[in-house]
Amino acid sequence: MLKIYPQQFVESHQPLIHVQMRIHPFVMAFLGFWFLSWYGAVIPITLTGAMPNYMAALFVGMPMLMLMIFWVAFWSEANRSRSELTQIIQGQV
């Protein structure tokens, strides 16, 4: 989401632009459903002892690792987009 407020000016009479980036709510809902489904199946199997401990750690930790990787990728892309937008607005591109 990109919000631009050109009617607000700073002291040097330049437009003030506020950029707000976030993950789409549908993506957040999908991730929530996916995590609930994943852990709803993995945790009972792990607690009953039907899976070896090293596999249980893999199945419990893998979604968290994936979430962390996607989080880092999203914010690095958001920061890159923000800097490119700043360069475009300032006429450096």
C-alpha atoms as a PDB file:
ATOM      1  CA  MET A   1       0.000   0.000   0.000  1.00  0.00           C
ATOM      2  CA  LEU A   2       1.368   3.391  -0.978  1.00  0.00           C
ATOM      3  CA  LYS A   3      -0.073   6.557   0.482  1.00  0.00           C
ATOM      4  CA  ILE A   4       1.030   9.917  -0.880  1.00  0.00           C
ATOM      5  CA  TYR A   5       0.052  13.099   0.885  1.00  0.00           C
ATOM      6  CA  PRO A   6       1.193  15.931  -1.422  1.00  0.00           C
ATOM      7  CA  GLN A   7      -0.874  18.569   0.389  1.00  0.00           C
ATOM      8  CA  GLN A   8       1.497  18.442   3.371  1.00  0.00           C
ATOM      9  CA  PHE A   9       4.681  20.421   2.928  1.00  0.00           C
ATOM     10  CA  VAL A  10       7.842  20.584   4.968  1.00  0.00           C
ATOM     11  CA  GLU A  11       9.713  23.830   5.587  1.00  0.00           C
ATOM     12  CA  SER A  12      11.608  23.693   2.284  1.00  0.00           C
ATOM     13  CA  HIS A  13       8.312  23.562   0.321  1.00  0.00           C
ATOM     14  CA  GLN A  14       8.875  19.994  -0.819  1.00  0.00           C
ATOM     15  CA  PRO A  15       6.033  17.490  -0.766  1.00  0.00           C
ATOM     16  CA  LEU A  16       5.984  15.049   2.141  1.00  0.00           C
ATOM     17  CA  ILE A  17       5.396  11.487   0.976  1.00  0.00           C
ATOM     18  CA  HIS A  18       4.506   8.734   3.421  1.00  0.00           C
ATOM     19  CA  VAL A  19       5.097   5.181   2.165  1.00  0.00           C
ATOM     20  CA  GLN A  20       3.446   2.329   4.041  1.00  0.00           C
ATOM     21  CA  MET A  21       4.078  -1.224   2.867  1.00  0.00           C
ATOM     22  CA  ARG A  22       2.501  -4.337   4.300  1.00  0.00           C
ATOM     23  CA  ILE A  23       1.545  -7.841   3.367  1.00  0.00           C
ATOM     24  CA  HIS A  24      -1.906  -8.203   1.818  1.00  0.00           C
ATOM     25  CA  PRO A  25      -4.576  -9.396   4.308  1.00  0.00           C
ATOM     26  CA  PHE A  26      -5.437 -12.369   2.073  1.00  0.00           C
ATOM     27  CA  VAL A  27      -1.831 -13.554   2.279  1.00  0.00           C
ATOM     28  CA  MET A  28      -1.898 -13.202   6.074  1.00  0.00           C
ATOM     29  CA  ALA A  29      -5.155 -15.184   6.245  1.00  0.00           C
ATOM     30  CA  PHE A  30      -3.709 -17.900   4.032  1.00  0.00           C
ATOM     31  CA  LEU A  31      -0.567 -18.139   6.173  1.00  0.00           C
ATOM     32  CA  GLY A  32      -2.665 -18.337   9.330  1.00  0.00           C
ATOM     33  CA  PHE A  33      -4.789 -21.131   7.869  1.00  0.00           C
ATOM     34  CA  TRP A  34      -1.709 -22.953   6.625  1.00  0.00           C
ATOM     35  CA  PHE A  35       0.052 -22.766  10.008  1.00  0.00           C
ATOM     36  CA  LEU A  36      -3.057 -23.928  11.868  1.00  0.00           C
ATOM     37  CA  SER A  37      -3.451 -26.860   9.493  1.00  0.00           C
ATOM     38  CA  TRP A  38       0.250 -27.762   9.620  1.00  0.00           C
ATOM     39  CA  TYR A  39       0.623 -27.622  13.372  1.00  0.00           C
ATOM     40  CA  GLY A  40      -2.825 -29.147  13.903  1.00  0.00           C
ATOM     41  CA  ALA A  41      -1.483 -32.285  12.215  1.00  0.00           C
ATOM     42  CA  VAL A  42       2.187 -32.262  13.280  1.00  0.00           C
ATOM     43  CA  ILE A  43       1.828 -31.585  17.013  1.00  0.00           C
ATOM     44  CA  PRO A  44      -0.543 -34.496  17.781  1.00  0.00           C
ATOM     45  CA  ILE A  45       1.652 -36.868  15.762  1.00  0.00           C
ATOM     46  CA  THR A  46       4.734 -35.618  17.619  1.00  0.00           C
ATOM     47  CA  LEU A  47       3.131 -35.874  21.068  1.00  0.00           C
ATOM     48  CA  THR A  48       2.000 -39.463  20.498  1.00  0.00           C
ATOM     49  CA  GLY A  49       5.583 -40.483  19.717  1.00  0.00           C
ATOM     50  CA  ALA A  50       4.769 -41.769  16.224  1.00  0.00           C
ATOM     51  CA  MET A  51       7.657 -39.769  14.777  1.00  0.00           C
ATOM     52  CA  PRO A  52      11.368 -39.804  15.725  1.00  0.00           C
ATOM     53  CA  ASN A  53      12.583 -36.734  17.631  1.00  0.00           C
ATOM     54  CA  TYR A  54      14.868 -35.461  14.863  1.00  0.00           C
ATOM     55  CA  MET A  55      12.002 -35.592  12.367  1.00  0.00           C
ATOM     56  CA  ALA A  56       9.642 -33.924  14.830  1.00  0.00           C
ATOM     57  CA  ALA A  57      12.094 -31.039  15.254  1.00  0.00           C
ATOM     58  CA  LEU A  58      12.297 -30.699  11.475  1.00  0.00           C
ATOM     59  CA  PHE A  59       8.518 -30.675  11.041  1.00  0.00           C
ATOM     60  CA  VAL A  60       7.990 -28.204  13.886  1.00  0.00           C
ATOM     61  CA  GLY A  61      10.856 -25.866  12.943  1.00  0.00           C
ATOM     62  CA  MET A  62      10.576 -25.803   9.157  1.00  0.00           C
ATOM     63  CA  PRO A  63       7.513 -23.504   8.904  1.00  0.00           C
ATOM     64  CA  MET A  64       9.100 -21.028  11.308  1.00  0.00           C
ATOM     65  CA  LEU A  65      12.297 -20.994   9.246  1.00  0.00           C
ATOM     66  CA  MET A  66      10.284 -20.459   6.056  1.00  0.00           C
ATOM     67  CA  LEU A  67       8.321 -17.632   7.677  1.00  0.00           C
ATOM     68  CA  MET A  68      11.555 -15.940   8.742  1.00  0.00           C
ATOM     69  CA  ILE A  69      13.027 -16.257   5.225  1.00  0.00           C
ATOM     70  CA  PHE A  70       9.891 -14.786   3.629  1.00  0.00           C
ATOM     71  CA  TRP A  71       9.797 -11.991   6.216  1.00  0.00           C
ATOM     72  CA  VAL A  72      13.410 -10.992   5.477  1.00  0.00           C
ATOM     73  CA  ALA A  73      12.784 -11.181   1.712  1.00  0.00           C
ATOM     74  CA  PHE A  74       9.652  -9.008   1.958  1.00  0.00           C
ATOM     75  CA  TRP A  75      11.285  -6.276   4.020  1.00  0.00           C
ATOM     76  CA  SER A  76      14.449  -6.183   1.947  1.00  0.00           C
ATOM     77  CA  GLU A  77      12.299  -5.746  -1.165  1.00  0.00           C
ATOM     78  CA  ALA A  78      10.172  -3.101   0.581  1.00  0.00           C
ATOM     79  CA  ASN A  79      13.276  -1.122   1.553  1.00  0.00           C
ATOM     80  CA  ARG A  80      14.666  -1.398  -1.978  1.00  0.00           C
ATOM     81  CA  SER A  81      11.361  -0.196  -3.449  1.00  0.00           C
ATOM     82  CA  ARG A  82      11.249   2.687  -1.002  1.00  0.00           C
ATOM     83  CA  SER A  83      14.746   3.840  -1.947  1.00  0.00           C
ATOM     84  CA  GLU A  84      13.954   3.547  -5.676  1.00  0.00           C
ATOM     85  CA  LEU A  85      10.775   5.570  -5.215  1.00  0.00           C
ATOM     86  CA  THR A  86      12.755   8.228  -3.362  1.00  0.00           C
ATOM     87  CA  GLN A  87      15.262   8.407  -6.218  1.00  0.00           C
ATOM     88  CA  ILE A  88      12.479   8.695  -8.805  1.00  0.00           C
ATOM     89  CA  ILE A  89      10.729  11.480  -6.885  1.00  0.00           C
ATOM     90  CA  GLN A  90      13.973  13.390  -6.400  1.00  0.00           C
ATOM     91  CA  GLY A  91      14.708  13.106 -10.122  1.00  0.00           C
ATOM     92  CA  GLN A  92      17.860  11.035  -9.751  1.00  0.00           C
ATOM     93  CA  VAL A  93      16.699   8.332 -12.141  1.00  0.00           C
END
